[in-house]
Amino acid sequence: MRETWFTHPDPLDTKAADELLSSYKLRNIQAKKALAFDPRLWLVSALLPTFRDEPKPSRQYKNPMWS
């Protein structure tokens, strides 16, 4: 399985960045934070798996009458 770095688009403050890093750590996902252009904010990146195809949506709530 191929993995690529995903960087969150919005810079986060220190508390939010640390919470995000701890949630990634609980799921055993490699993550890092880097200082953003504004020294009060952080950019968080995570090494996430990349799949060739999009996941299939659940058909649980799809009404067969509408198909």
PDB file of N, CA and C in Angstrom:
ATOM      1  N   MET A   1       0.844  -1.165   0.000  1.00  0.00           N
ATOM      2  CA  MET A   1       0.000   0.000   0.000  1.00  0.00           C
ATOM      3  C   MET A   1       0.901   1.243   0.000  1.00  0.00           C
ATOM      4  N   ARG A   2       0.552   2.165  -0.839  1.00  0.00           N
ATOM      5  CA  ARG A   2       1.332   3.391  -0.980  1.00  0.00           C
ATOM      6  C   ARG A   2       0.886   4.409   0.068  1.00  0.00           C
ATOM      7  N   GLU A   3       1.831   5.163   0.586  1.00  0.00           N
ATOM      8  CA  GLU A   3       1.518   6.199   1.571  1.00  0.00           C
ATOM      9  C   GLU A   3       2.064   7.533   1.091  1.00  0.00           C
ATOM     10  N   THR A   4       1.311   8.589   1.333  1.00  0.00           N
ATOM     11  CA  THR A   4       1.743   9.938   0.975  1.00  0.00           C
ATOM     12  C   THR A   4       1.485  10.867   2.154  1.00  0.00           C
ATOM     13  N   TRP A   5       2.217  11.967   2.174  1.00  0.00           N
ATOM     14  CA  TRP A   5       2.059  12.952   3.241  1.00  0.00           C
ATOM     15  C   TRP A   5       0.859  13.841   2.949  1.00  0.00           C
ATOM     16  N   PHE A   6      -0.024  13.956   3.916  1.00  0.00           N
ATOM     17  CA  PHE A   6      -1.166  14.865   3.837  1.00  0.00           C
ATOM     18  C   PHE A   6      -0.916  15.990   4.825  1.00  0.00           C
ATOM     19  N   THR A   7      -0.961  17.228   4.352  1.00  0.00           N
ATOM     20  CA  THR A   7      -0.789  18.396   5.213  1.00  0.00           C
ATOM     21  C   THR A   7      -2.137  19.072   5.381  1.00  0.00           C
ATOM     22  N   HIS A   8      -2.529  19.298   6.619  1.00  0.00           N
ATOM     23  CA  HIS A   8      -3.794  19.980   6.882  1.00  0.00           C
ATOM     24  C   HIS A   8      -3.721  21.386   6.306  1.00  0.00           C
ATOM     25  N   PRO A   9      -4.771  21.823   5.611  1.00  0.00           N
ATOM     26  CA  PRO A   9      -4.702  23.094   4.874  1.00  0.00           C
ATOM     27  C   PRO A   9      -4.626  24.330   5.759  1.00  0.00           C
ATOM     28  N   ASP A  10      -5.201  24.262   6.949  1.00  0.00           N
ATOM     29  CA  ASP A  10      -5.208  25.441   7.819  1.00  0.00           C
ATOM     30  C   ASP A  10      -4.197  25.279   8.940  1.00  0.00           C
ATOM     31  N   PRO A  11      -3.392  26.314   9.205  1.00  0.00           N
ATOM     32  CA  PRO A  11      -2.486  26.257  10.350  1.00  0.00           C
ATOM     33  C   PRO A  11      -3.280  26.190  11.657  1.00  0.00           C
ATOM     34  N   LEU A  12      -2.737  25.490  12.634  1.00  0.00           N
ATOM     35  CA  LEU A  12      -3.414  25.285  13.915  1.00  0.00           C
ATOM     36  C   LEU A  12      -2.609  25.908  15.043  1.00  0.00           C
ATOM     37  N   ASP A  13      -3.298  26.279  16.127  1.00  0.00           N
ATOM     38  CA  ASP A  13      -2.570  26.759  17.296  1.00  0.00           C
ATOM     39  C   ASP A  13      -1.930  25.556  17.997  1.00  0.00           C
ATOM     40  N   THR A  14      -1.110  25.816  18.984  1.00  0.00           N
ATOM     41  CA  THR A  14      -0.320  24.764  19.624  1.00  0.00           C
ATOM     42  C   THR A  14      -1.199  23.690  20.249  1.00  0.00           C
ATOM     43  N   LYS A  15      -2.249  24.092  20.945  1.00  0.00           N
ATOM     44  CA  LYS A  15      -3.114  23.122  21.624  1.00  0.00           C
ATOM     45  C   LYS A  15      -3.816  22.208  20.616  1.00  0.00           C
ATOM     46  N   ALA A  16      -4.378  22.782  19.561  1.00  0.00           N
ATOM     47  CA  ALA A  16      -5.081  21.979  18.553  1.00  0.00           C
ATOM     48  C   ALA A  16      -4.111  21.062  17.813  1.00  0.00           C
ATOM     49  N   ALA A  17      -2.912  21.547  17.528  1.00  0.00           N
ATOM     50  CA  ALA A  17      -1.920  20.723  16.832  1.00  0.00           C
ATOM     51  C   ALA A  17      -1.502  19.538  17.697  1.00  0.00           C
ATOM     52  N   ASP A  18      -1.304  19.769  18.990  1.00  0.00           N
ATOM     53  CA  ASP A  18      -0.929  18.674  19.881  1.00  0.00           C
ATOM     54  C   ASP A  18      -2.050  17.648  20.020  1.00  0.00           C
ATOM     55  N   GLU A  19      -3.304  18.106  20.059  1.00  0.00           N
ATOM     56  CA  GLU A  19      -4.437  17.176  20.123  1.00  0.00           C
ATOM     57  C   GLU A  19      -4.515  16.327  18.859  1.00  0.00           C
ATOM     58  N   LEU A  20      -4.284  16.954  17.718  1.00  0.00           N
ATOM     59  CA  LEU A  20      -4.318  16.222  16.456  1.00  0.00           C
ATOM     60  C   LEU A  20      -3.181  15.205  16.384  1.00  0.00           C
ATOM     61  N   LEU A  21      -2.003  15.591  16.831  1.00  0.00           N
ATOM     62  CA  LEU A  21      -0.872  14.661  16.842  1.00  0.00           C
ATOM     63  C   LEU A  21      -1.137  13.478  17.768  1.00  0.00           C
ATOM     64  N   SER A  22      -1.748  13.738  18.925  1.00  0.00           N
ATOM     65  CA  SER A  22      -2.033  12.634  19.847  1.00  0.00           C
ATOM     66  C   SER A  22      -3.098  11.694  19.276  1.00  0.00           C
ATOM     67  N   SER A  23      -4.075  12.238  18.540  1.00  0.00           N
ATOM     68  CA  SER A  23      -5.078  11.354  17.933  1.00  0.00           C
ATOM     69  C   SER A  23      -4.460  10.503  16.827  1.00  0.00           C
ATOM     70  N   TYR A  24      -3.526  11.071  16.071  1.00  0.00           N
ATOM     71  CA  TYR A  24      -2.815  10.274  15.069  1.00  0.00           C
ATOM     72  C   TYR A  24      -1.961   9.200  15.745  1.00  0.00           C
ATOM     73  N   LYS A  25      -1.338   9.546  16.867  1.00  0.00           N
ATOM     74  CA  LYS A  25      -0.486   8.590  17.566  1.00  0.00           C
ATOM     75  C   LYS A  25      -1.303   7.410  18.093  1.00  0.00           C
ATOM     76  N   LEU A  26      -2.532   7.677  18.549  1.00  0.00           N
ATOM     77  CA  LEU A  26      -3.396   6.597  19.025  1.00  0.00           C
ATOM     78  C   LEU A  26      -3.719   5.607  17.913  1.00  0.00           C
ATOM     79  N   ARG A  27      -3.778   6.084  16.677  1.00  0.00           N
ATOM     80  CA  ARG A  27      -4.079   5.217  15.533  1.00  0.00           C
ATOM     81  C   ARG A  27      -2.811   4.725  14.840  1.00  0.00           C
ATOM     82  N   ASN A  28      -1.656   4.919  15.457  1.00  0.00           N
ATOM     83  CA  ASN A  28      -0.359   4.480  14.927  1.00  0.00           C
ATOM     84  C   ASN A  28      -0.075   5.049  13.546  1.00  0.00           C
ATOM     85  N   ILE A  29      -0.342   6.341  13.374  1.00  0.00           N
ATOM     86  CA  ILE A  29      -0.063   7.036  12.129  1.00  0.00           C
ATOM     87  C   ILE A  29       1.074   8.012  12.385  1.00  0.00           C
ATOM     88  N   GLN A  30       2.081   7.950  11.533  1.00  0.00           N
ATOM     89  CA  GLN A  30       3.220   8.842  11.674  1.00  0.00           C
ATOM     90  C   GLN A  30       2.782  10.263  11.327  1.00  0.00           C
ATOM     91  N   ALA A  31       3.037  11.202  12.237  1.00  0.00           N
ATOM     92  CA  ALA A  31       2.637  12.594  12.018  1.00  0.00           C
ATOM     93  C   ALA A  31       3.736  13.508  12.536  1.00  0.00           C
ATOM     94  N   LYS A  32       3.755  14.719  12.002  1.00  0.00           N
ATOM     95  CA  LYS A  32       4.741  15.705  12.447  1.00  0.00           C
ATOM     96  C   LYS A  32       4.127  17.091  12.354  1.00  0.00           C
ATOM     97  N   LYS A  33       4.688  18.004  13.130  1.00  0.00           N
ATOM     98  CA  LYS A  33       4.232  19.385  13.041  1.00  0.00           C
ATOM     99  C   LYS A  33       5.428  20.266  12.726  1.00  0.00           C
ATOM    100  N   ALA A  34       5.160  21.282  11.927  1.00  0.00           N
ATOM    101  CA  ALA A  34       6.198  22.226  11.520  1.00  0.00           C
ATOM    102  C   ALA A  34       5.668  23.635  11.754  1.00  0.00           C
ATOM    103  N   LEU A  35       6.563  24.522  12.063  1.00  0.00           N
ATOM    104  CA  LEU A  35       6.180  25.903  12.322  1.00  0.00           C
ATOM    105  C   LEU A  35       5.703  26.561  11.035  1.00  0.00           C
ATOM    106  N   ALA A  36       4.559  27.237  11.107  1.00  0.00           N
ATOM    107  CA  ALA A  36       3.998  27.930   9.947  1.00  0.00           C
ATOM    108  C   ALA A  36       4.682  29.287   9.796  1.00  0.00           C
ATOM    109  N   PHE A  37       4.267  30.027   8.772  1.00  0.00           N
ATOM    110  CA  PHE A  37       4.833  31.351   8.537  1.00  0.00           C
ATOM    111  C   PHE A  37       4.582  32.259   9.737  1.00  0.00           C
ATOM    112  N   ASP A  38       3.383  32.160  10.312  1.00  0.00           N
ATOM    113  CA  ASP A  38       3.060  32.879  11.544  1.00  0.00           C
ATOM    114  C   ASP A  38       3.615  32.047  12.702  1.00  0.00           C
ATOM    115  N   PRO A  39       4.538  32.577  13.508  1.00  0.00           N
ATOM    116  CA  PRO A  39       5.193  31.761  14.542  1.00  0.00           C
ATOM    117  C   PRO A  39       4.265  31.266  15.656  1.00  0.00           C
ATOM    118  N   ARG A  40       3.020  31.710  15.691  1.00  0.00           N
ATOM    119  CA  ARG A  40       2.081  31.223  16.706  1.00  0.00           C
ATOM    120  C   ARG A  40       1.352  29.967  16.242  1.00  0.00           C
ATOM    121  N   LEU A  41       1.462  29.631  14.969  1.00  0.00           N
ATOM    122  CA  LEU A  41       0.671  28.542  14.391  1.00  0.00           C
ATOM    123  C   LEU A  41       1.560  27.414  13.870  1.00  0.00           C
ATOM    124  N   TRP A  42       0.969  26.234  13.745  1.00  0.00           N
ATOM    125  CA  TRP A  42       1.682  25.040  13.303  1.00  0.00           C
ATOM    126  C   TRP A  42       0.986  24.416  12.104  1.00  0.00           C
ATOM    127  N   LEU A  43       1.775  23.785  11.244  1.00  0.00           N
ATOM    128  CA  LEU A  43       1.262  22.966  10.150  1.00  0.00           C
ATOM    129  C   LEU A  43       1.430  21.506  10.558  1.00  0.00           C
ATOM    130  N   VAL A  44       0.367  20.733  10.471  1.00  0.00           N
ATOM    131  CA  VAL A  44       0.405  19.323  10.860  1.00  0.00           C
ATOM    132  C   VAL A  44       0.329  18.471   9.598  1.00  0.00           C
ATOM    133  N   SER A  45       1.247  17.508   9.494  1.00  0.00           N
ATOM    134  CA  SER A  45       1.276  16.584   8.358  1.00  0.00           C
ATOM    135  C   SER A  45       1.209  15.158   8.884  1.00  0.00           C
ATOM    136  N   ALA A  46       0.555  14.293   8.121  1.00  0.00           N
ATOM    137  CA  ALA A  46       0.426  12.889   8.503  1.00  0.00           C
ATOM    138  C   ALA A  46       0.685  12.011   7.287  1.00  0.00           C
ATOM    139  N   LEU A  47       1.318  10.882   7.526  1.00  0.00           N
ATOM    140  CA  LEU A  47       1.604   9.907   6.474  1.00  0.00           C
ATOM    141  C   LEU A  47       0.416   8.943   6.395  1.00  0.00           C
ATOM    142  N   LEU A  48      -0.435   9.152   5.377  1.00  0.00           N
ATOM    143  CA  LEU A  48      -1.679   8.390   5.254  1.00  0.00           C
ATOM    144  C   LEU A  48      -1.643   7.479   4.032  1.00  0.00           C
ATOM    145  N   PRO A  49      -2.362   6.348   4.096  1.00  0.00           N
ATOM    146  CA  PRO A  49      -2.401   5.440   2.948  1.00  0.00           C
ATOM    147  C   PRO A  49      -3.170   6.049   1.783  1.00  0.00           C
ATOM    148  N   THR A  50      -2.711   5.748   0.585  1.00  0.00           N
ATOM    149  CA  THR A  50      -3.369   6.207  -0.633  1.00  0.00           C
ATOM    150  C   THR A  50      -3.891   4.982  -1.375  1.00  0.00           C
ATOM    151  N   PHE A  51      -5.146   5.028  -1.747  1.00  0.00           N
ATOM    152  CA  PHE A  51      -5.764   3.915  -2.453  1.00  0.00           C
ATOM    153  C   PHE A  51      -5.952   4.273  -3.914  1.00  0.00           C
ATOM    154  N   ARG A  52      -5.915   3.263  -4.758  1.00  0.00           N
ATOM    155  CA  ARG A  52      -6.057   3.489  -6.189  1.00  0.00           C
ATOM    156  C   ARG A  52      -7.472   3.941  -6.535  1.00  0.00           C
ATOM    157  N   ASP A  53      -8.471   3.335  -5.892  1.00  0.00           N
ATOM    158  CA  ASP A  53      -9.874   3.647  -6.170  1.00  0.00           C
ATOM    159  C   ASP A  53     -10.513   4.326  -4.966  1.00  0.00           C
ATOM    160  N   GLU A  54     -11.557   5.099  -5.239  1.00  0.00           N
ATOM    161  CA  GLU A  54     -12.327   5.728  -4.165  1.00  0.00           C
ATOM    162  C   GLU A  54     -13.080   4.640  -3.396  1.00  0.00           C
ATOM    163  N   PRO A  55     -13.295   4.819  -2.094  1.00  0.00           N
ATOM    164  CA  PRO A  55     -14.089   3.829  -1.367  1.00  0.00           C
ATOM    165  C   PRO A  55     -15.539   3.827  -1.852  1.00  0.00           C
ATOM    166  N   LYS A  56     -16.142   2.662  -1.859  1.00  0.00           N
ATOM    167  CA  LYS A  56     -17.524   2.555  -2.322  1.00  0.00           C
ATOM    168  C   LYS A  56     -18.462   3.064  -1.226  1.00  0.00           C
ATOM    169  N   PRO A  57     -19.441   3.887  -1.594  1.00  0.00           N
ATOM    170  CA  PRO A  57     -20.377   4.383  -0.582  1.00  0.00           C
ATOM    171  C   PRO A  57     -21.278   3.265  -0.067  1.00  0.00           C
ATOM    172  N   SER A  58     -21.716   3.431   1.153  1.00  0.00           N
ATOM    173  CA  SER A  58     -22.593   2.443   1.760  1.00  0.00           C
ATOM    174  C   SER A  58     -23.964   2.477   1.097  1.00  0.00           C
ATOM    175  N   ARG A  59     -24.501   1.299   0.837  1.00  0.00           N
ATOM    176  CA  ARG A  59     -25.836   1.215   0.246  1.00  0.00           C
ATOM    177  C   ARG A  59     -26.892   1.023   1.331  1.00  0.00           C
ATOM    178  N   GLN A  60     -26.505   1.144   2.573  1.00  0.00           N
ATOM    179  CA  GLN A  60     -27.408   0.892   3.686  1.00  0.00           C
ATOM    180  C   GLN A  60     -28.611   1.836   3.672  1.00  0.00           C
ATOM    181  N   TYR A  61     -28.388   3.100   3.354  1.00  0.00           N
ATOM    182  CA  TYR A  61     -29.463   4.083   3.416  1.00  0.00           C
ATOM    183  C   TYR A  61     -30.040   4.424   2.042  1.00  0.00           C
ATOM    184  N   LYS A  62     -29.627   3.722   1.017  1.00  0.00           N
ATOM    185  CA  LYS A  62     -30.124   4.002  -0.322  1.00  0.00           C
ATOM    186  C   LYS A  62     -31.451   3.275  -0.535  1.00  0.00           C
ATOM    187  N   ASN A  63     -32.446   4.017  -0.946  1.00  0.00           N
ATOM    188  CA  ASN A  63     -33.763   3.443  -1.173  1.00  0.00           C
ATOM    189  C   ASN A  63     -33.778   2.779  -2.547  1.00  0.00           C
ATOM    190  N   PRO A  64     -34.114   1.486  -2.643  1.00  0.00           N
ATOM    191  CA  PRO A  64     -34.122   0.815  -3.940  1.00  0.00           C
ATOM    192  C   PRO A  64     -35.164   1.392  -4.890  1.00  0.00           C
ATOM    193  N   MET A  65     -36.145   2.065  -4.365  1.00  0.00           N
ATOM    194  CA  MET A  65     -37.176   2.658  -5.204  1.00  0.00           C
ATOM    195  C   MET A  65     -36.611   3.801  -6.054  1.00  0.00           C
ATOM    196  N   TRP A  66     -35.576   4.471  -5.568  1.00  0.00           N
ATOM    197  CA  TRP A  66     -35.002   5.614  -6.269  1.00  0.00           C
ATOM    198  C   TRP A  66     -33.966   5.202  -7.307  1.00  0.00           C
ATOM    199  N   SER A  67     -33.569   3.969  -7.323  1.00  0.00           N
ATOM    200  CA  SER A  67     -32.523   3.522  -8.241  1.00  0.00           C
ATOM    201  C   SER A  67     -33.035   3.329  -9.638  1.00  0.00           C
TER     202      SER A  67
END
